[in-house]
Amino acid sequence: MKNFLWIRLILIATILIPLLPTKMGLAAAPQQEGGEASRASDLLARMTPEERVGQLFLVTFTGTKVGPESEIFDLIYNHYVGGVILLDKNNNFPASETMLDDIWSLTN
């Protein structure tokens, strides 16, 4: 019984120790001017309220048609959706020998 308890403690420690911060008590490094946070703030400041709201949405669509006449095109270009989720059940992945090239074209 003691061995089982030790094994459990070792497993828990093995999982938790890597999650501990390595430099406890130190202040975060100051943001560099022109860094990612600054660029993100600048981009956000240039966005209209409609663009900001659109970025909150992830959407799906059926098929692989993404041309100007498709609904997904309208959502991306006119309603500024933040992301698109591709699903096999929505037939977003064509079954063909060139499937990877087709998906590359679809996402571009």
PDB file of N, CA and C in Angstrom:
ATOM      1  N   MET A   1       0.820  -1.199   0.000  1.00  0.00           N
ATOM      2  CA  MET A   1       0.000   0.000   0.000  1.00  0.00           C
ATOM      3  C   MET A   1       0.865   1.265   0.000  1.00  0.00           C
ATOM      4  N   LYS A   2       1.991   1.222   0.794  1.00  0.00           N
ATOM      5  CA  LYS A   2       2.893   2.371   0.827  1.00  0.00           C
ATOM      6  C   LYS A   2       3.506   2.626  -0.540  1.00  0.00           C
ATOM      7  N   ASN A   3       3.869   1.564  -1.250  1.00  0.00           N
ATOM      8  CA  ASN A   3       4.459   1.713  -2.580  1.00  0.00           C
ATOM      9  C   ASN A   3       3.489   2.391  -3.536  1.00  0.00           C
ATOM     10  N   PHE A   4       2.228   2.021  -3.445  1.00  0.00           N
ATOM     11  CA  PHE A   4       1.221   2.609  -4.324  1.00  0.00           C
ATOM     12  C   PHE A   4       1.101   4.107  -4.066  1.00  0.00           C
ATOM     13  N   LEU A   5       1.132   4.517  -2.791  1.00  0.00           N
ATOM     14  CA  LEU A   5       1.050   5.926  -2.439  1.00  0.00           C
ATOM     15  C   LEU A   5       2.257   6.688  -2.975  1.00  0.00           C
ATOM     16  N   TRP A   6       3.455   6.123  -2.844  1.00  0.00           N
ATOM     17  CA  TRP A   6       4.650   6.767  -3.357  1.00  0.00           C
ATOM     18  C   TRP A   6       4.608   6.900  -4.876  1.00  0.00           C
ATOM     19  N   ILE A   7       4.129   5.877  -5.529  1.00  0.00           N
ATOM     20  CA  ILE A   7       4.025   5.933  -6.997  1.00  0.00           C
ATOM     21  C   ILE A   7       3.078   7.050  -7.402  1.00  0.00           C
ATOM     22  N   ARG A   8       1.954   7.175  -6.725  1.00  0.00           N
ATOM     23  CA  ARG A   8       0.999   8.245  -7.031  1.00  0.00           C
ATOM     24  C   ARG A   8       1.624   9.616  -6.798  1.00  0.00           C
ATOM     25  N   LEU A   9       2.348   9.783  -5.696  1.00  0.00           N
ATOM     26  CA  LEU A   9       2.991  11.063  -5.406  1.00  0.00           C
ATOM     27  C   LEU A   9       4.043  11.417  -6.454  1.00  0.00           C
ATOM     28  N   ILE A  10       4.800  10.434  -6.866  1.00  0.00           N
ATOM     29  CA  ILE A  10       5.819  10.668  -7.898  1.00  0.00           C
ATOM     30  C   ILE A  10       5.163  11.063  -9.215  1.00  0.00           C
ATOM     31  N   LEU A  11       4.088  10.385  -9.581  1.00  0.00           N
ATOM     32  CA  LEU A  11       3.386  10.729 -10.818  1.00  0.00           C
ATOM     33  C   LEU A  11       2.813  12.143 -10.755  1.00  0.00           C
ATOM     34  N   ILE A  12       2.223  12.498  -9.636  1.00  0.00           N
ATOM     35  CA  ILE A  12       1.661  13.847  -9.488  1.00  0.00           C
ATOM     36  C   ILE A  12       2.772  14.887  -9.572  1.00  0.00           C
ATOM     37  N   ALA A  13       3.884  14.645  -8.898  1.00  0.00           N
ATOM     38  CA  ALA A  13       5.011  15.579  -8.945  1.00  0.00           C
ATOM     39  C   ALA A  13       5.566  15.702 -10.358  1.00  0.00           C
ATOM     40  N   THR A  14       5.641  14.583 -11.062  1.00  0.00           N
ATOM     41  CA  THR A  14       6.153  14.592 -12.433  1.00  0.00           C
ATOM     42  C   THR A  14       5.277  15.449 -13.336  1.00  0.00           C
ATOM     43  N   ILE A  15       3.990  15.445 -13.077  1.00  0.00           N
ATOM     44  CA  ILE A  15       3.070  16.235 -13.891  1.00  0.00           C
ATOM     45  C   ILE A  15       3.096  17.698 -13.476  1.00  0.00           C
ATOM     46  N   LEU A  16       3.141  17.971 -12.173  1.00  0.00           N
ATOM     47  CA  LEU A  16       3.015  19.344 -11.695  1.00  0.00           C
ATOM     48  C   LEU A  16       4.293  20.163 -11.748  1.00  0.00           C
ATOM     49  N   ILE A  17       5.431  19.574 -11.529  1.00  0.00           N
ATOM     50  CA  ILE A  17       6.687  20.331 -11.479  1.00  0.00           C
ATOM     51  C   ILE A  17       6.956  21.109 -12.771  1.00  0.00           C
ATOM     52  N   PRO A  18       6.760  20.530 -13.954  1.00  0.00           N
ATOM     53  CA  PRO A  18       6.990  21.332 -15.163  1.00  0.00           C
ATOM     54  C   PRO A  18       6.043  22.523 -15.302  1.00  0.00           C
ATOM     55  N   LEU A  19       4.920  22.494 -14.590  1.00  0.00           N
ATOM     56  CA  LEU A  19       3.964  23.587 -14.694  1.00  0.00           C
ATOM     57  C   LEU A  19       4.316  24.770 -13.799  1.00  0.00           C
ATOM     58  N   LEU A  20       5.246  24.600 -12.866  1.00  0.00           N
ATOM     59  CA  LEU A  20       5.630  25.680 -11.972  1.00  0.00           C
ATOM     60  C   LEU A  20       6.460  26.724 -12.714  1.00  0.00           C
ATOM     61  N   PRO A  21       6.265  28.000 -12.364  1.00  0.00           N
ATOM     62  CA  PRO A  21       7.085  29.035 -13.007  1.00  0.00           C
ATOM     63  C   PRO A  21       8.547  28.864 -12.623  1.00  0.00           C
ATOM     64  N   THR A  22       9.427  29.149 -13.570  1.00  0.00           N
ATOM     65  CA  THR A  22      10.855  28.966 -13.302  1.00  0.00           C
ATOM     66  C   THR A  22      11.476  30.165 -12.608  1.00  0.00           C
ATOM     67  N   LYS A  23      10.922  31.337 -12.763  1.00  0.00           N
ATOM     68  CA  LYS A  23      11.458  32.549 -12.136  1.00  0.00           C
ATOM     69  C   LYS A  23      10.355  33.181 -11.297  1.00  0.00           C
ATOM     70  N   MET A  24      10.177  32.687 -10.121  1.00  0.00           N
ATOM     71  CA  MET A  24       9.109  33.184  -9.263  1.00  0.00           C
ATOM     72  C   MET A  24       9.479  34.555  -8.699  1.00  0.00           C
ATOM     73  N   GLY A  25       8.492  35.448  -8.658  1.00  0.00           N
ATOM     74  CA  GLY A  25       8.673  36.729  -8.020  1.00  0.00           C
ATOM     75  C   GLY A  25       9.284  37.806  -8.901  1.00  0.00           C
ATOM     76  N   LEU A  26       9.664  37.492 -10.112  1.00  0.00           N
ATOM     77  CA  LEU A  26      10.251  38.496 -10.991  1.00  0.00           C
ATOM     78  C   LEU A  26       9.156  39.167 -11.804  1.00  0.00           C
ATOM     79  N   ALA A  27       9.297  40.447 -12.021  1.00  0.00           N
ATOM     80  CA  ALA A  27       8.326  41.187 -12.808  1.00  0.00           C
ATOM     81  C   ALA A  27       8.445  40.793 -14.273  1.00  0.00           C
ATOM     82  N   ALA A  28       7.347  40.923 -14.975  1.00  0.00           N
ATOM     83  CA  ALA A  28       7.348  40.618 -16.399  1.00  0.00           C
ATOM     84  C   ALA A  28       8.239  41.608 -17.133  1.00  0.00           C
ATOM     85  N   ALA A  29       8.842  41.142 -18.199  1.00  0.00           N
ATOM     86  CA  ALA A  29       9.698  42.008 -19.007  1.00  0.00           C
ATOM     87  C   ALA A  29       8.853  43.110 -19.632  1.00  0.00           C
ATOM     88  N   PRO A  30       9.358  44.329 -19.691  1.00  0.00           N
ATOM     89  CA  PRO A  30       8.589  45.405 -20.302  1.00  0.00           C
ATOM     90  C   PRO A  30       8.383  45.141 -21.794  1.00  0.00           C
ATOM     91  N   GLN A  31       7.227  45.582 -22.272  1.00  0.00           N
ATOM     92  CA  GLN A  31       6.915  45.412 -23.689  1.00  0.00           C
ATOM     93  C   GLN A  31       7.838  46.295 -24.522  1.00  0.00           C
ATOM     94  N   GLN A  32       8.384  45.737 -25.560  1.00  0.00           N
ATOM     95  CA  GLN A  32       9.221  46.516 -26.455  1.00  0.00           C
ATOM     96  C   GLN A  32       8.335  47.376 -27.343  1.00  0.00           C
ATOM     97  N   GLU A  33       8.794  48.552 -27.605  1.00  0.00           N
ATOM     98  CA  GLU A  33       8.052  49.421 -28.487  1.00  0.00           C
ATOM     99  C   GLU A  33       8.052  48.813 -29.886  1.00  0.00           C
ATOM    100  N   GLY A  34       6.897  48.801 -30.523  1.00  0.00           N
ATOM    101  CA  GLY A  34       6.796  48.208 -31.839  1.00  0.00           C
ATOM    102  C   GLY A  34       6.649  46.700 -31.791  1.00  0.00           C
ATOM    103  N   GLY A  35       6.436  46.136 -30.611  1.00  0.00           N
ATOM    104  CA  GLY A  35       6.273  44.697 -30.477  1.00  0.00           C
ATOM    105  C   GLY A  35       4.895  44.244 -30.919  1.00  0.00           C
ATOM    106  N   GLU A  36       4.626  42.970 -30.694  1.00  0.00           N
ATOM    107  CA  GLU A  36       3.357  42.381 -31.125  1.00  0.00           C
ATOM    108  C   GLU A  36       2.164  43.052 -30.463  1.00  0.00           C
ATOM    109  N   ALA A  37       2.256  43.340 -29.170  1.00  0.00           N
ATOM    110  CA  ALA A  37       1.141  43.974 -28.470  1.00  0.00           C
ATOM    111  C   ALA A  37       0.855  45.354 -29.049  1.00  0.00           C
ATOM    112  N   SER A  38       1.907  46.087 -29.374  1.00  0.00           N
ATOM    113  CA  SER A  38       1.742  47.409 -29.953  1.00  0.00           C
ATOM    114  C   SER A  38       1.096  47.330 -31.339  1.00  0.00           C
ATOM    115  N   ARG A  39       1.540  46.377 -32.139  1.00  0.00           N
ATOM    116  CA  ARG A  39       0.949  46.212 -33.480  1.00  0.00           C
ATOM    117  C   ARG A  39      -0.504  45.792 -33.377  1.00  0.00           C
ATOM    118  N   ALA A  40      -0.826  44.913 -32.413  1.00  0.00           N
ATOM    119  CA  ALA A  40      -2.219  44.486 -32.229  1.00  0.00           C
ATOM    120  C   ALA A  40      -3.089  45.664 -31.803  1.00  0.00           C
ATOM    121  N   SER A  41      -2.588  46.498 -30.913  1.00  0.00           N
ATOM    122  CA  SER A  41      -3.341  47.681 -30.470  1.00  0.00           C
ATOM    123  C   SER A  41      -3.568  48.641 -31.630  1.00  0.00           C
ATOM    124  N   ASP A  42      -2.549  48.838 -32.444  1.00  0.00           N
ATOM    125  CA  ASP A  42      -2.685  49.720 -33.605  1.00  0.00           C
ATOM    126  C   ASP A  42      -3.737  49.190 -34.577  1.00  0.00           C
ATOM    127  N   LEU A  43      -3.698  47.889 -34.822  1.00  0.00           N
ATOM    128  CA  LEU A  43      -4.678  47.278 -35.725  1.00  0.00           C
ATOM    129  C   LEU A  43      -6.086  47.425 -35.175  1.00  0.00           C
ATOM    130  N   LEU A  44      -6.260  47.162 -33.902  1.00  0.00           N
ATOM    131  CA  LEU A  44      -7.571  47.278 -33.270  1.00  0.00           C
ATOM    132  C   LEU A  44      -8.096  48.705 -33.340  1.00  0.00           C
ATOM    133  N   ALA A  45      -7.216  49.673 -33.167  1.00  0.00           N
ATOM    134  CA  ALA A  45      -7.617  51.080 -33.219  1.00  0.00           C
ATOM    135  C   ALA A  45      -8.099  51.475 -34.613  1.00  0.00           C
ATOM    136  N   ARG A  46      -7.583  50.829 -35.642  1.00  0.00           N
ATOM    137  CA  ARG A  46      -7.983  51.150 -37.025  1.00  0.00           C
ATOM    138  C   ARG A  46      -9.266  50.437 -37.452  1.00  0.00           C
ATOM    139  N   MET A  47      -9.713  49.457 -36.678  1.00  0.00           N
ATOM    140  CA  MET A  47     -10.895  48.672 -37.066  1.00  0.00           C
ATOM    141  C   MET A  47     -12.187  49.401 -36.712  1.00  0.00           C
ATOM    142  N   THR A  48     -13.188  49.226 -37.569  1.00  0.00           N
ATOM    143  CA  THR A  48     -14.516  49.770 -37.281  1.00  0.00           C
ATOM    144  C   THR A  48     -15.192  48.865 -36.252  1.00  0.00           C
ATOM    145  N   PRO A  49     -16.255  49.342 -35.602  1.00  0.00           N
ATOM    146  CA  PRO A  49     -16.981  48.475 -34.666  1.00  0.00           C
ATOM    147  C   PRO A  49     -17.497  47.196 -35.332  1.00  0.00           C
ATOM    148  N   GLU A  50     -17.926  47.288 -36.586  1.00  0.00           N
ATOM    149  CA  GLU A  50     -18.405  46.107 -37.303  1.00  0.00           C
ATOM    150  C   GLU A  50     -17.293  45.079 -37.490  1.00  0.00           C
ATOM    151  N   GLU A  51     -16.104  45.557 -37.821  1.00  0.00           N
ATOM    152  CA  GLU A  51     -14.964  44.655 -37.991  1.00  0.00           C
ATOM    153  C   GLU A  51     -14.584  44.000 -36.665  1.00  0.00           C
ATOM    154  N   ARG A  52     -14.640  44.757 -35.596  1.00  0.00           N
ATOM    155  CA  ARG A  52     -14.308  44.193 -34.277  1.00  0.00           C
ATOM    156  C   ARG A  52     -15.278  43.095 -33.878  1.00  0.00           C
ATOM    157  N   VAL A  53     -16.567  43.339 -34.081  1.00  0.00           N
ATOM    158  CA  VAL A  53     -17.578  42.335 -33.738  1.00  0.00           C
ATOM    159  C   VAL A  53     -17.421  41.107 -34.626  1.00  0.00           C
ATOM    160  N   GLY A  54     -17.190  41.302 -35.906  1.00  0.00           N
ATOM    161  CA  GLY A  54     -17.020  40.180 -36.821  1.00  0.00           C
ATOM    162  C   GLY A  54     -15.874  39.274 -36.410  1.00  0.00           C
ATOM    163  N   GLN A  55     -14.825  39.844 -35.856  1.00  0.00           N
ATOM    164  CA  GLN A  55     -13.669  39.058 -35.438  1.00  0.00           C
ATOM    165  C   GLN A  55     -13.979  38.109 -34.294  1.00  0.00           C
ATOM    166  N   LEU A  56     -15.093  38.299 -33.613  1.00  0.00           N
ATOM    167  CA  LEU A  56     -15.472  37.428 -32.495  1.00  0.00           C
ATOM    168  C   LEU A  56     -16.082  36.104 -32.953  1.00  0.00           C
ATOM    169  N   PHE A  57     -16.422  35.992 -34.228  1.00  0.00           N
ATOM    170  CA  PHE A  57     -17.153  34.827 -34.710  1.00  0.00           C
ATOM    171  C   PHE A  57     -16.268  33.827 -35.447  1.00  0.00           C
ATOM    172  N   LEU A  58     -16.506  32.550 -35.177  1.00  0.00           N
ATOM    173  CA  LEU A  58     -15.967  31.422 -35.939  1.00  0.00           C
ATOM    174  C   LEU A  58     -17.157  30.781 -36.624  1.00  0.00           C
ATOM    175  N   VAL A  59     -17.051  30.515 -37.897  1.00  0.00           N
ATOM    176  CA  VAL A  59     -18.183  29.962 -38.644  1.00  0.00           C
ATOM    177  C   VAL A  59     -17.771  28.702 -39.396  1.00  0.00           C
ATOM    178  N   THR A  60     -18.771  27.963 -39.842  1.00  0.00           N
ATOM    179  CA  THR A  60     -18.553  26.809 -40.707  1.00  0.00           C
ATOM    180  C   THR A  60     -19.331  27.036 -41.990  1.00  0.00           C
ATOM    181  N   PHE A  61     -19.054  26.228 -42.978  1.00  0.00           N
ATOM    182  CA  PHE A  61     -19.818  26.277 -44.218  1.00  0.00           C
ATOM    183  C   PHE A  61     -19.784  24.904 -44.859  1.00  0.00           C
ATOM    184  N   THR A  62     -20.664  24.680 -45.824  1.00  0.00           N
ATOM    185  CA  THR A  62     -20.756  23.393 -46.492  1.00  0.00           C
ATOM    186  C   THR A  62     -20.104  23.476 -47.865  1.00  0.00           C
ATOM    187  N   GLY A  63     -19.370  22.433 -48.211  1.00  0.00           N
ATOM    188  CA  GLY A  63     -18.779  22.341 -49.533  1.00  0.00           C
ATOM    189  C   GLY A  63     -17.410  22.970 -49.636  1.00  0.00           C
ATOM    190  N   THR A  64     -17.004  23.191 -50.884  1.00  0.00           N
ATOM    191  CA  THR A  64     -15.678  23.750 -51.136  1.00  0.00           C
ATOM    192  C   THR A  64     -15.730  25.004 -51.998  1.00  0.00           C
ATOM    193  N   LYS A  65     -16.912  25.486 -52.289  1.00  0.00           N
ATOM    194  CA  LYS A  65     -17.026  26.695 -53.107  1.00  0.00           C
ATOM    195  C   LYS A  65     -16.823  27.926 -52.236  1.00  0.00           C
ATOM    196  N   VAL A  66     -15.809  28.714 -52.592  1.00  0.00           N
ATOM    197  CA  VAL A  66     -15.470  29.899 -51.811  1.00  0.00           C
ATOM    198  C   VAL A  66     -15.378  31.153 -52.676  1.00  0.00           C
ATOM    199  N   GLY A  67     -15.930  31.088 -53.862  1.00  0.00           N
ATOM    200  CA  GLY A  67     -15.864  32.220 -54.778  1.00  0.00           C
ATOM    201  C   GLY A  67     -16.730  33.385 -54.322  1.00  0.00           C
ATOM    202  N   PRO A  68     -16.685  34.497 -55.049  1.00  0.00           N
ATOM    203  CA  PRO A  68     -17.415  35.709 -54.664  1.00  0.00           C
ATOM    204  C   PRO A  68     -18.922  35.527 -54.507  1.00  0.00           C
ATOM    205  N   GLU A  69     -19.489  34.506 -55.113  1.00  0.00           N
ATOM    206  CA  GLU A  69     -20.925  34.278 -55.007  1.00  0.00           C
ATOM    207  C   GLU A  69     -21.312  33.418 -53.804  1.00  0.00           C
ATOM    208  N   SER A  70     -20.348  32.873 -53.079  1.00  0.00           N
ATOM    209  CA  SER A  70     -20.631  31.964 -51.960  1.00  0.00           C
ATOM    210  C   SER A  70     -20.939  32.719 -50.664  1.00  0.00           C
ATOM    211  N   GLU A  71     -21.672  32.042 -49.781  1.00  0.00           N
ATOM    212  CA  GLU A  71     -22.002  32.636 -48.485  1.00  0.00           C
ATOM    213  C   GLU A  71     -20.759  32.872 -47.638  1.00  0.00           C
ATOM    214  N   ILE A  72     -19.805  31.944 -47.698  1.00  0.00           N
ATOM    215  CA  ILE A  72     -18.608  32.086 -46.866  1.00  0.00           C
ATOM    216  C   ILE A  72     -17.780  33.297 -47.307  1.00  0.00           C
ATOM    217  N   PHE A  73     -17.745  33.558 -48.593  1.00  0.00           N
ATOM    218  CA  PHE A  73     -17.056  34.752 -49.102  1.00  0.00           C
ATOM    219  C   PHE A  73     -17.700  36.005 -48.522  1.00  0.00           C
ATOM    220  N   ASP A  74     -19.027  36.041 -48.536  1.00  0.00           N
ATOM    221  CA  ASP A  74     -19.767  37.178 -47.992  1.00  0.00           C
ATOM    222  C   ASP A  74     -19.459  37.363 -46.511  1.00  0.00           C
ATOM    223  N   LEU A  75     -19.440  36.266 -45.747  1.00  0.00           N
ATOM    224  CA  LEU A  75     -19.161  36.369 -44.314  1.00  0.00           C
ATOM    225  C   LEU A  75     -17.748  36.889 -44.044  1.00  0.00           C
ATOM    226  N   ILE A  76     -16.793  36.432 -44.821  1.00  0.00           N
ATOM    227  CA  ILE A  76     -15.400  36.852 -44.605  1.00  0.00           C
ATOM    228  C   ILE A  76     -15.176  38.293 -45.047  1.00  0.00           C
ATOM    229  N   TYR A  77     -15.590  38.630 -46.249  1.00  0.00           N
ATOM    230  CA  TYR A  77     -15.263  39.936 -46.808  1.00  0.00           C
ATOM    231  C   TYR A  77     -16.217  41.053 -46.414  1.00  0.00           C
ATOM    232  N   ASN A  78     -17.473  40.724 -46.135  1.00  0.00           N
ATOM    233  CA  ASN A  78     -18.438  41.775 -45.815  1.00  0.00           C
ATOM    234  C   ASN A  78     -18.807  41.841 -44.340  1.00  0.00           C
ATOM    235  N   HIS A  79     -18.589  40.738 -43.619  1.00  0.00           N
ATOM    236  CA  HIS A  79     -18.969  40.709 -42.204  1.00  0.00           C
ATOM    237  C   HIS A  79     -17.770  40.431 -41.296  1.00  0.00           C
ATOM    238  N   TYR A  80     -16.592  40.304 -41.870  1.00  0.00           N
ATOM    239  CA  TYR A  80     -15.318  40.279 -41.145  1.00  0.00           C
ATOM    240  C   TYR A  80     -15.185  39.155 -40.121  1.00  0.00           C
ATOM    241  N   VAL A  81     -15.747  37.961 -40.408  1.00  0.00           N
ATOM    242  CA  VAL A  81     -15.649  36.873 -39.434  1.00  0.00           C
ATOM    243  C   VAL A  81     -14.191  36.594 -39.100  1.00  0.00           C
ATOM    244  N   GLY A  82     -13.963  36.212 -37.848  1.00  0.00           N
ATOM    245  CA  GLY A  82     -12.616  36.009 -37.355  1.00  0.00           C
ATOM    246  C   GLY A  82     -11.987  34.710 -37.770  1.00  0.00           C
ATOM    247  N   GLY A  83     -12.785  33.703 -38.092  1.00  0.00           N
ATOM    248  CA  GLY A  83     -12.207  32.418 -38.466  1.00  0.00           C
ATOM    249  C   GLY A  83     -13.238  31.485 -39.064  1.00  0.00           C
ATOM    250  N   VAL A  84     -12.737  30.490 -39.763  1.00  0.00           N
ATOM    251  CA  VAL A  84     -13.578  29.490 -40.405  1.00  0.00           C
ATOM    252  C   VAL A  84     -13.105  28.117 -39.952  1.00  0.00           C
ATOM    253  N   ILE A  85     -14.050  27.284 -39.556  1.00  0.00           N
ATOM    254  CA  ILE A  85     -13.732  25.924 -39.138  1.00  0.00           C
ATOM    255  C   ILE A  85     -14.098  24.983 -40.275  1.00  0.00           C
ATOM    256  N   LEU A  86     -13.140  24.211 -40.733  1.00  0.00           N
ATOM    257  CA  LEU A  86     -13.381  23.229 -41.785  1.00  0.00           C
ATOM    258  C   LEU A  86     -13.704  21.885 -41.134  1.00  0.00           C
ATOM    259  N   LEU A  87     -14.761  21.232 -41.615  1.00  0.00           N
ATOM    260  CA  LEU A  87     -15.193  19.956 -41.058  1.00  0.00           C
ATOM    261  C   LEU A  87     -15.434  18.940 -42.164  1.00  0.00           C
ATOM    262  N   ASP A  88     -15.064  17.716 -41.893  1.00  0.00           N
ATOM    263  CA  ASP A  88     -15.309  16.647 -42.854  1.00  0.00           C
ATOM    264  C   ASP A  88     -16.806  16.459 -43.082  1.00  0.00           C
ATOM    265  N   LYS A  89     -17.602  16.556 -42.011  1.00  0.00           N
ATOM    266  CA  LYS A  89     -19.054  16.345 -42.148  1.00  0.00           C
ATOM    267  C   LYS A  89     -19.717  17.446 -42.976  1.00  0.00           C
ATOM    268  N   ASN A  90     -19.051  18.577 -43.163  1.00  0.00           N
ATOM    269  CA  ASN A  90     -19.572  19.645 -44.017  1.00  0.00           C
ATOM    270  C   ASN A  90     -19.019  19.558 -45.436  1.00  0.00           C
ATOM    271  N   ASN A  91     -18.366  18.452 -45.724  1.00  0.00           N
ATOM    272  CA  ASN A  91     -17.783  18.217 -47.055  1.00  0.00           C
ATOM    273  C   ASN A  91     -16.761  19.283 -47.449  1.00  0.00           C
ATOM    274  N   ASN A  92     -15.983  19.760 -46.482  1.00  0.00           N
ATOM    275  CA  ASN A  92     -14.942  20.735 -46.773  1.00  0.00           C
ATOM    276  C   ASN A  92     -13.657  20.084 -47.260  1.00  0.00           C
ATOM    277  N   PHE A  93     -13.547  18.760 -47.126  1.00  0.00           N
ATOM    278  CA  PHE A  93     -12.352  18.044 -47.539  1.00  0.00           C
ATOM    279  C   PHE A  93     -12.699  17.125 -48.708  1.00  0.00           C
ATOM    280  N   PRO A  94     -12.390  17.547 -49.927  1.00  0.00           N
ATOM    281  CA  PRO A  94     -12.737  16.721 -51.090  1.00  0.00           C
ATOM    282  C   PRO A  94     -11.914  15.436 -51.125  1.00  0.00           C
ATOM    283  N   ALA A  95     -12.579  14.358 -51.459  1.00  0.00           N
ATOM    284  CA  ALA A  95     -11.882  13.066 -51.562  1.00  0.00           C
ATOM    285  C   ALA A  95     -11.294  12.951 -52.966  1.00  0.00           C
ATOM    286  N   SER A  96     -10.019  13.250 -53.085  1.00  0.00           N
ATOM    287  CA  SER A  96      -9.348  13.170 -54.379  1.00  0.00           C
ATOM    288  C   SER A  96      -7.863  12.936 -54.144  1.00  0.00           C
ATOM    289  N   GLU A  97      -7.156  12.646 -55.217  1.00  0.00           N
ATOM    290  CA  GLU A  97      -5.712  12.446 -55.115  1.00  0.00           C
ATOM    291  C   GLU A  97      -4.983  13.753 -54.809  1.00  0.00           C
ATOM    292  N   THR A  98      -5.609  14.863 -55.112  1.00  0.00           N
ATOM    293  CA  THR A  98      -4.997  16.178 -54.887  1.00  0.00           C
ATOM    294  C   THR A  98      -5.616  16.874 -53.669  1.00  0.00           C
ATOM    295  N   MET A  99      -6.050  16.085 -52.692  1.00  0.00           N
ATOM    296  CA  MET A  99      -6.751  16.630 -51.532  1.00  0.00           C
ATOM    297  C   MET A  99      -5.942  17.713 -50.820  1.00  0.00           C
ATOM    298  N   LEU A 100      -4.664  17.499 -50.581  1.00  0.00           N
ATOM    299  CA  LEU A 100      -3.871  18.509 -49.894  1.00  0.00           C
ATOM    300  C   LEU A 100      -3.779  19.799 -50.691  1.00  0.00           C
ATOM    301  N   ASP A 101      -3.609  19.696 -51.994  1.00  0.00           N
ATOM    302  CA  ASP A 101      -3.579  20.901 -52.837  1.00  0.00           C
ATOM    303  C   ASP A 101      -4.935  21.590 -52.833  1.00  0.00           C
ATOM    304  N   ASP A 102      -6.008  20.791 -52.851  1.00  0.00           N
ATOM    305  CA  ASP A 102      -7.365  21.370 -52.816  1.00  0.00           C
ATOM    306  C   ASP A 102      -7.616  22.122 -51.506  1.00  0.00           C
ATOM    307  N   ILE A 103      -7.173  21.548 -50.404  1.00  0.00           N
ATOM    308  CA  ILE A 103      -7.356  22.208 -49.100  1.00  0.00           C
ATOM    309  C   ILE A 103      -6.502  23.468 -49.036  1.00  0.00           C
ATOM    310  N   TRP A 104      -5.292  23.398 -49.567  1.00  0.00           N
ATOM    311  CA  TRP A 104      -4.434  24.585 -49.622  1.00  0.00           C
ATOM    312  C   TRP A 104      -5.127  25.708 -50.394  1.00  0.00           C
ATOM    313  N   SER A 105      -5.678  25.388 -51.535  1.00  0.00           N
ATOM    314  CA  SER A 105      -6.385  26.387 -52.340  1.00  0.00           C
ATOM    315  C   SER A 105      -7.610  26.916 -51.593  1.00  0.00           C
ATOM    316  N   LEU A 106      -8.321  26.021 -50.934  1.00  0.00           N
ATOM    317  CA  LEU A 106      -9.522  26.410 -50.191  1.00  0.00           C
ATOM    318  C   LEU A 106      -9.187  27.399 -49.078  1.00  0.00           C
ATOM    319  N   THR A 107      -8.149  27.145 -48.334  1.00  0.00           N
ATOM    320  CA  THR A 107      -7.813  28.026 -47.219  1.00  0.00           C
ATOM    321  C   THR A 107      -7.144  29.322 -47.664  1.00  0.00           C
ATOM    322  N   ASN A 108      -6.527  29.318 -48.816  1.00  0.00           N
ATOM    323  CA  ASN A 108      -5.940  30.562 -49.330  1.00  0.00           C
ATOM    324  C   ASN A 108      -7.029  31.448 -49.889  1.00  0.00           C
TER     325      ASN A 108
END
